[in-house]
Amino acid sequence: MGLGGGSILIIGLVALLIFGPKKLPELGKAAGNTLREFKNATKGLADEDEDKKKSSKDQA
C-alpha cells in the first residue's frame, strides 16, 4: 500500500498551506542536507565494518 499520485498531491497542498510558498524551498533544502549527512554517516559505518572484517581475516 504505497502513496499514489493523489495522496502526494494532497500532502503537497497541505504542506503549502501550513508553511507557505516562501518557507517550503527552505524546508526541502534542509531535508536534503539531512538525508545527505545521514547517507554519509551510514556509508562511513559500513566502511568501518568492512575494514574490521578485512583486518580480522588478515590476523587469522
PDB file of N, CA and C in Angstrom:
ATOM      1  N   MET A   1       0.842  -1.175   0.000  1.00  0.00           N
ATOM      2  CA  MET A   1       0.000   0.000   0.000  1.00  0.00           C
ATOM      3  C   MET A   1       0.887   1.238   0.000  1.00  0.00           C
ATOM      4  N   GLY A   2       1.187   1.738  -1.171  1.00  0.00           N
ATOM      5  CA  GLY A   2       2.058   2.894  -1.312  1.00  0.00           C
ATOM      6  C   GLY A   2       1.268   4.176  -1.484  1.00  0.00           C
ATOM      7  N   LEU A   3       2.003   5.235  -1.629  1.00  0.00           N
ATOM      8  CA  LEU A   3       1.381   6.531  -1.864  1.00  0.00           C
ATOM      9  C   LEU A   3       1.111   6.698  -3.346  1.00  0.00           C
ATOM     10  N   GLY A   4      -0.122   7.051  -3.666  1.00  0.00           N
ATOM     11  CA  GLY A   4      -0.469   7.304  -5.048  1.00  0.00           C
ATOM     12  C   GLY A   4      -0.232   8.763  -5.399  1.00  0.00           C
ATOM     13  N   GLY A   5      -0.467   9.099  -6.636  1.00  0.00           N
ATOM     14  CA  GLY A   5      -0.273  10.470  -7.099  1.00  0.00           C
ATOM     15  C   GLY A   5      -1.199  11.451  -6.398  1.00  0.00           C
ATOM     16  N   GLY A   6      -2.445  11.041  -6.172  1.00  0.00           N
ATOM     17  CA  GLY A   6      -3.398  11.915  -5.494  1.00  0.00           C
ATOM     18  C   GLY A   6      -3.011  12.189  -4.055  1.00  0.00           C
ATOM     19  N   SER A   7      -2.504  11.168  -3.380  1.00  0.00           N
ATOM     20  CA  SER A   7      -2.079  11.334  -1.985  1.00  0.00           C
ATOM     21  C   SER A   7      -0.892  12.287  -1.872  1.00  0.00           C
ATOM     22  N   ILE A   8       0.044  12.151  -2.781  1.00  0.00           N
ATOM     23  CA  ILE A   8       1.211  13.035  -2.771  1.00  0.00           C
ATOM     24  C   ILE A   8       0.789  14.471  -3.058  1.00  0.00           C
ATOM     25  N   LEU A   9      -0.149  14.649  -3.964  1.00  0.00           N
ATOM     26  CA  LEU A   9      -0.659  15.984  -4.284  1.00  0.00           C
ATOM     27  C   LEU A   9      -1.332  16.619  -3.073  1.00  0.00           C
ATOM     28  N   ILE A  10      -2.144  15.856  -2.361  1.00  0.00           N
ATOM     29  CA  ILE A  10      -2.815  16.371  -1.168  1.00  0.00           C
ATOM     30  C   ILE A  10      -1.804  16.734  -0.090  1.00  0.00           C
ATOM     31  N   ILE A  11      -0.808  15.891   0.122  1.00  0.00           N
ATOM     32  CA  ILE A  11       0.231  16.175   1.114  1.00  0.00           C
ATOM     33  C   ILE A  11       0.974  17.456   0.737  1.00  0.00           C
ATOM     34  N   GLY A  12       1.285  17.622  -0.532  1.00  0.00           N
ATOM     35  CA  GLY A  12       1.968  18.831  -1.005  1.00  0.00           C
ATOM     36  C   GLY A  12       1.135  20.079  -0.785  1.00  0.00           C
ATOM     37  N   LEU A  13      -0.165  19.995  -1.064  1.00  0.00           N
ATOM     38  CA  LEU A  13      -1.043  21.149  -0.861  1.00  0.00           C
ATOM     39  C   LEU A  13      -1.167  21.511   0.616  1.00  0.00           C
ATOM     40  N   VAL A  14      -1.282  20.507   1.470  1.00  0.00           N
ATOM     41  CA  VAL A  14      -1.367  20.766   2.913  1.00  0.00           C
ATOM     42  C   VAL A  14      -0.071  21.403   3.413  1.00  0.00           C
ATOM     43  N   ALA A  15       1.065  20.902   2.956  1.00  0.00           N
ATOM     44  CA  ALA A  15       2.356  21.482   3.345  1.00  0.00           C
ATOM     45  C   ALA A  15       2.460  22.925   2.864  1.00  0.00           C
ATOM     46  N   LEU A  16       1.969  23.203   1.655  1.00  0.00           N
ATOM     47  CA  LEU A  16       1.987  24.559   1.128  1.00  0.00           C
ATOM     48  C   LEU A  16       1.111  25.486   1.958  1.00  0.00           C
ATOM     49  N   LEU A  17      -0.042  24.998   2.377  1.00  0.00           N
ATOM     50  CA  LEU A  17      -0.930  25.813   3.213  1.00  0.00           C
ATOM     51  C   LEU A  17      -0.334  26.064   4.596  1.00  0.00           C
ATOM     52  N   ILE A  18       0.313  25.069   5.168  1.00  0.00           N
ATOM     53  CA  ILE A  18       0.859  25.203   6.522  1.00  0.00           C
ATOM     54  C   ILE A  18       2.103  26.090   6.531  1.00  0.00           C
ATOM     55  N   PHE A  19       3.041  25.841   5.641  1.00  0.00           N
ATOM     56  CA  PHE A  19       4.327  26.515   5.689  1.00  0.00           C
ATOM     57  C   PHE A  19       4.419  27.733   4.783  1.00  0.00           C
ATOM     58  N   GLY A  20       3.601  27.821   3.759  1.00  0.00           N
ATOM     59  CA  GLY A  20       3.659  28.946   2.834  1.00  0.00           C
ATOM     60  C   GLY A  20       4.678  28.716   1.737  1.00  0.00           C
ATOM     61  N   PRO A  21       4.524  29.452   0.637  1.00  0.00           N
ATOM     62  CA  PRO A  21       5.402  29.235  -0.518  1.00  0.00           C
ATOM     63  C   PRO A  21       6.846  29.682  -0.296  1.00  0.00           C
ATOM     64  N   LYS A  22       7.084  30.597   0.625  1.00  0.00           N
ATOM     65  CA  LYS A  22       8.452  31.079   0.855  1.00  0.00           C
ATOM     66  C   LYS A  22       9.254  30.104   1.714  1.00  0.00           C
ATOM     67  N   LYS A  23       8.597  29.410   2.624  1.00  0.00           N
ATOM     68  CA  LYS A  23       9.289  28.527   3.561  1.00  0.00           C
ATOM     69  C   LYS A  23       9.513  27.129   2.988  1.00  0.00           C
ATOM     70  N   LEU A  24       8.689  26.714   2.034  1.00  0.00           N
ATOM     71  CA  LEU A  24       8.759  25.355   1.501  1.00  0.00           C
ATOM     72  C   LEU A  24      10.115  25.011   0.860  1.00  0.00           C
ATOM     73  N   PRO A  25      10.710  25.879   0.031  1.00  0.00           N
ATOM     74  CA  PRO A  25      12.033  25.532  -0.523  1.00  0.00           C
ATOM     75  C   PRO A  25      13.111  25.389   0.555  1.00  0.00           C
ATOM     76  N   GLU A  26      13.028  26.199   1.606  1.00  0.00           N
ATOM     77  CA  GLU A  26      13.993  26.096   2.701  1.00  0.00           C
ATOM     78  C   GLU A  26      13.861  24.752   3.406  1.00  0.00           C
ATOM     79  N   LEU A  27      12.623  24.309   3.604  1.00  0.00           N
ATOM     80  CA  LEU A  27      12.396  23.018   4.249  1.00  0.00           C
ATOM     81  C   LEU A  27      12.896  21.876   3.380  1.00  0.00           C
ATOM     82  N   GLY A  28      12.695  21.970   2.080  1.00  0.00           N
ATOM     83  CA  GLY A  28      13.191  20.949   1.163  1.00  0.00           C
ATOM     84  C   GLY A  28      14.706  20.870   1.175  1.00  0.00           C
ATOM     85  N   LYS A  29      15.349  22.037   1.192  1.00  0.00           N
ATOM     86  CA  LYS A  29      16.813  22.070   1.234  1.00  0.00           C
ATOM     87  C   LYS A  29      17.329  21.466   2.531  1.00  0.00           C
ATOM     88  N   ALA A  30      16.686  21.798   3.650  1.00  0.00           N
ATOM     89  CA  ALA A  30      17.103  21.253   4.947  1.00  0.00           C
ATOM     90  C   ALA A  30      16.923  19.737   4.968  1.00  0.00           C
ATOM     91  N   ALA A  31      15.818  19.254   4.405  1.00  0.00           N
ATOM     92  CA  ALA A  31      15.581  17.807   4.365  1.00  0.00           C
ATOM     93  C   ALA A  31      16.633  17.115   3.501  1.00  0.00           C
ATOM     94  N   GLY A  32      17.001  17.725   2.372  1.00  0.00           N
ATOM     95  CA  GLY A  32      18.030  17.160   1.501  1.00  0.00           C
ATOM     96  C   GLY A  32      19.382  17.092   2.193  1.00  0.00           C
ATOM     97  N   ASN A  33      19.733  18.161   2.915  1.00  0.00           N
ATOM     98  CA  ASN A  33      21.009  18.173   3.643  1.00  0.00           C
ATOM     99  C   ASN A  33      21.027  17.099   4.729  1.00  0.00           C
ATOM    100  N   THR A  34      19.905  16.944   5.406  1.00  0.00           N
ATOM    101  CA  THR A  34      19.814  15.935   6.462  1.00  0.00           C
ATOM    102  C   THR A  34      19.984  14.533   5.887  1.00  0.00           C
ATOM    103  N   LEU A  35      19.322  14.262   4.777  1.00  0.00           N
ATOM    104  CA  LEU A  35      19.447  12.947   4.144  1.00  0.00           C
ATOM    105  C   LEU A  35      20.870  12.699   3.659  1.00  0.00           C
ATOM    106  N   ARG A  36      21.521  13.728   3.122  1.00  0.00           N
ATOM    107  CA  ARG A  36      22.896  13.586   2.642  1.00  0.00           C
ATOM    108  C   ARG A  36      23.838  13.257   3.798  1.00  0.00           C
ATOM    109  N   GLU A  37      23.674  13.960   4.924  1.00  0.00           N
ATOM    110  CA  GLU A  37      24.521  13.699   6.086  1.00  0.00           C
ATOM    111  C   GLU A  37      24.287  12.288   6.634  1.00  0.00           C
ATOM    112  N   PHE A  38      23.026  11.869   6.668  1.00  0.00           N
ATOM    113  CA  PHE A  38      22.697  10.525   7.149  1.00  0.00           C
ATOM    114  C   PHE A  38      23.321   9.469   6.246  1.00  0.00           C
ATOM    115  N   LYS A  39      23.240   9.695   4.949  1.00  0.00           N
ATOM    116  CA  LYS A  39      23.808   8.754   3.985  1.00  0.00           C
ATOM    117  C   LYS A  39      25.320   8.651   4.159  1.00  0.00           C
ATOM    118  N   ASN A  40      25.974   9.796   4.317  1.00  0.00           N
ATOM    119  CA  ASN A  40      27.428   9.788   4.508  1.00  0.00           C
ATOM    120  C   ASN A  40      27.813   9.093   5.803  1.00  0.00           C
ATOM    121  N   ALA A  41      27.037   9.300   6.860  1.00  0.00           N
ATOM    122  CA  ALA A  41      27.335   8.668   8.146  1.00  0.00           C
ATOM    123  C   ALA A  41      27.167   7.153   8.062  1.00  0.00           C
ATOM    124  N   THR A  42      26.110   6.690   7.423  1.00  0.00           N
ATOM    125  CA  THR A  42      25.901   5.248   7.303  1.00  0.00           C
ATOM    126  C   THR A  42      26.944   4.630   6.385  1.00  0.00           C
ATOM    127  N   LYS A  43      27.387   5.367   5.372  1.00  0.00           N
ATOM    128  CA  LYS A  43      28.437   4.862   4.494  1.00  0.00           C
ATOM    129  C   LYS A  43      29.738   4.713   5.284  1.00  0.00           C
ATOM    130  N   GLY A  44      30.009   5.676   6.146  1.00  0.00           N
ATOM    131  CA  GLY A  44      31.200   5.599   6.980  1.00  0.00           C
ATOM    132  C   GLY A  44      31.160   4.404   7.907  1.00  0.00           C
ATOM    133  N   LEU A  45      29.999   4.111   8.472  1.00  0.00           N
ATOM    134  CA  LEU A  45      29.859   2.950   9.346  1.00  0.00           C
ATOM    135  C   LEU A  45      30.062   1.654   8.568  1.00  0.00           C
ATOM    136  N   ALA A  46      29.524   1.591   7.362  1.00  0.00           N
ATOM    137  CA  ALA A  46      29.676   0.390   6.540  1.00  0.00           C
ATOM    138  C   ALA A  46      31.140   0.194   6.164  1.00  0.00           C
ATOM    139  N   ASP A  47      31.837   1.295   5.861  1.00  0.00           N
ATOM    140  CA  ASP A  47      33.263   1.200   5.522  1.00  0.00           C
ATOM    141  C   ASP A  47      34.075   0.704   6.718  1.00  0.00           C
ATOM    142  N   GLU A  48      33.737   1.175   7.916  1.00  0.00           N
ATOM    143  CA  GLU A  48      34.441   0.724   9.119  1.00  0.00           C
ATOM    144  C   GLU A  48      34.232  -0.767   9.350  1.00  0.00           C
ATOM    145  N   ASP A  49      33.008  -1.248   9.113  1.00  0.00           N
ATOM    146  CA  ASP A  49      32.723  -2.675   9.276  1.00  0.00           C
ATOM    147  C   ASP A  49      33.551  -3.505   8.308  1.00  0.00           C
ATOM    148  N   GLU A  50      33.665  -3.041   7.057  1.00  0.00           N
ATOM    149  CA  GLU A  50      34.452  -3.769   6.067  1.00  0.00           C
ATOM    150  C   GLU A  50      35.923  -3.788   6.463  1.00  0.00           C
ATOM    151  N   ASP A  51      36.420  -2.663   6.978  1.00  0.00           N
ATOM    152  CA  ASP A  51      37.818  -2.601   7.412  1.00  0.00           C
ATOM    153  C   ASP A  51      38.078  -3.567   8.560  1.00  0.00           C
ATOM    154  N   LYS A  52      37.133  -3.651   9.499  1.00  0.00           N
ATOM    155  CA  LYS A  52      37.288  -4.572  10.628  1.00  0.00           C
ATOM    156  C   LYS A  52      37.305  -6.017  10.156  1.00  0.00           C
ATOM    157  N   LYS A  53      36.442  -6.343   9.195  1.00  0.00           N
ATOM    158  CA  LYS A  53      36.399  -7.708   8.673  1.00  0.00           C
ATOM    159  C   LYS A  53      37.700  -8.063   7.966  1.00  0.00           C
ATOM    160  N   LYS A  54      38.227  -7.108   7.191  1.00  0.00           N
ATOM    161  CA  LYS A  54      39.472  -7.363   6.481  1.00  0.00           C
ATOM    162  C   LYS A  54      40.633  -7.547   7.449  1.00  0.00           C
ATOM    163  N   SER A  55      40.677  -6.703   8.492  1.00  0.00           N
ATOM    164  CA  SER A  55      41.790  -6.807   9.429  1.00  0.00           C
ATOM    165  C   SER A  55      41.690  -8.091  10.260  1.00  0.00           C
ATOM    166  N   SER A  56      40.479  -8.540  10.558  1.00  0.00           N
ATOM    167  CA  SER A  56      40.349  -9.792  11.329  1.00  0.00           C
ATOM    168  C   SER A  56      40.717 -10.989  10.447  1.00  0.00           C
ATOM    169  N   LYS A  57      40.450 -10.930   9.164  1.00  0.00           N
ATOM    170  CA  LYS A  57      40.835 -12.011   8.249  1.00  0.00           C
ATOM    171  C   LYS A  57      42.353 -12.040   8.080  1.00  0.00           C
ATOM    172  N   ASP A  58      42.961 -10.841   8.042  1.00  0.00           N
ATOM    173  CA  ASP A  58      44.417 -10.782   7.891  1.00  0.00           C
ATOM    174  C   ASP A  58      45.133 -11.350   9.109  1.00  0.00           C
ATOM    175  N   GLN A  59      44.547 -11.166  10.290  1.00  0.00           N
ATOM    176  CA  GLN A  59      45.160 -11.651  11.519  1.00  0.00           C
ATOM    177  C   GLN A  59      45.003 -13.152  11.690  1.00  0.00           C
ATOM    178  N   ALA A  60      43.978 -13.715  11.101  1.00  0.00           N
ATOM    179  CA  ALA A  60      43.697 -15.147  11.276  1.00  0.00           C
ATOM    180  C   ALA A  60      44.591 -16.019  10.438  1.00  0.00           C
TER     181      ALA A  60
END
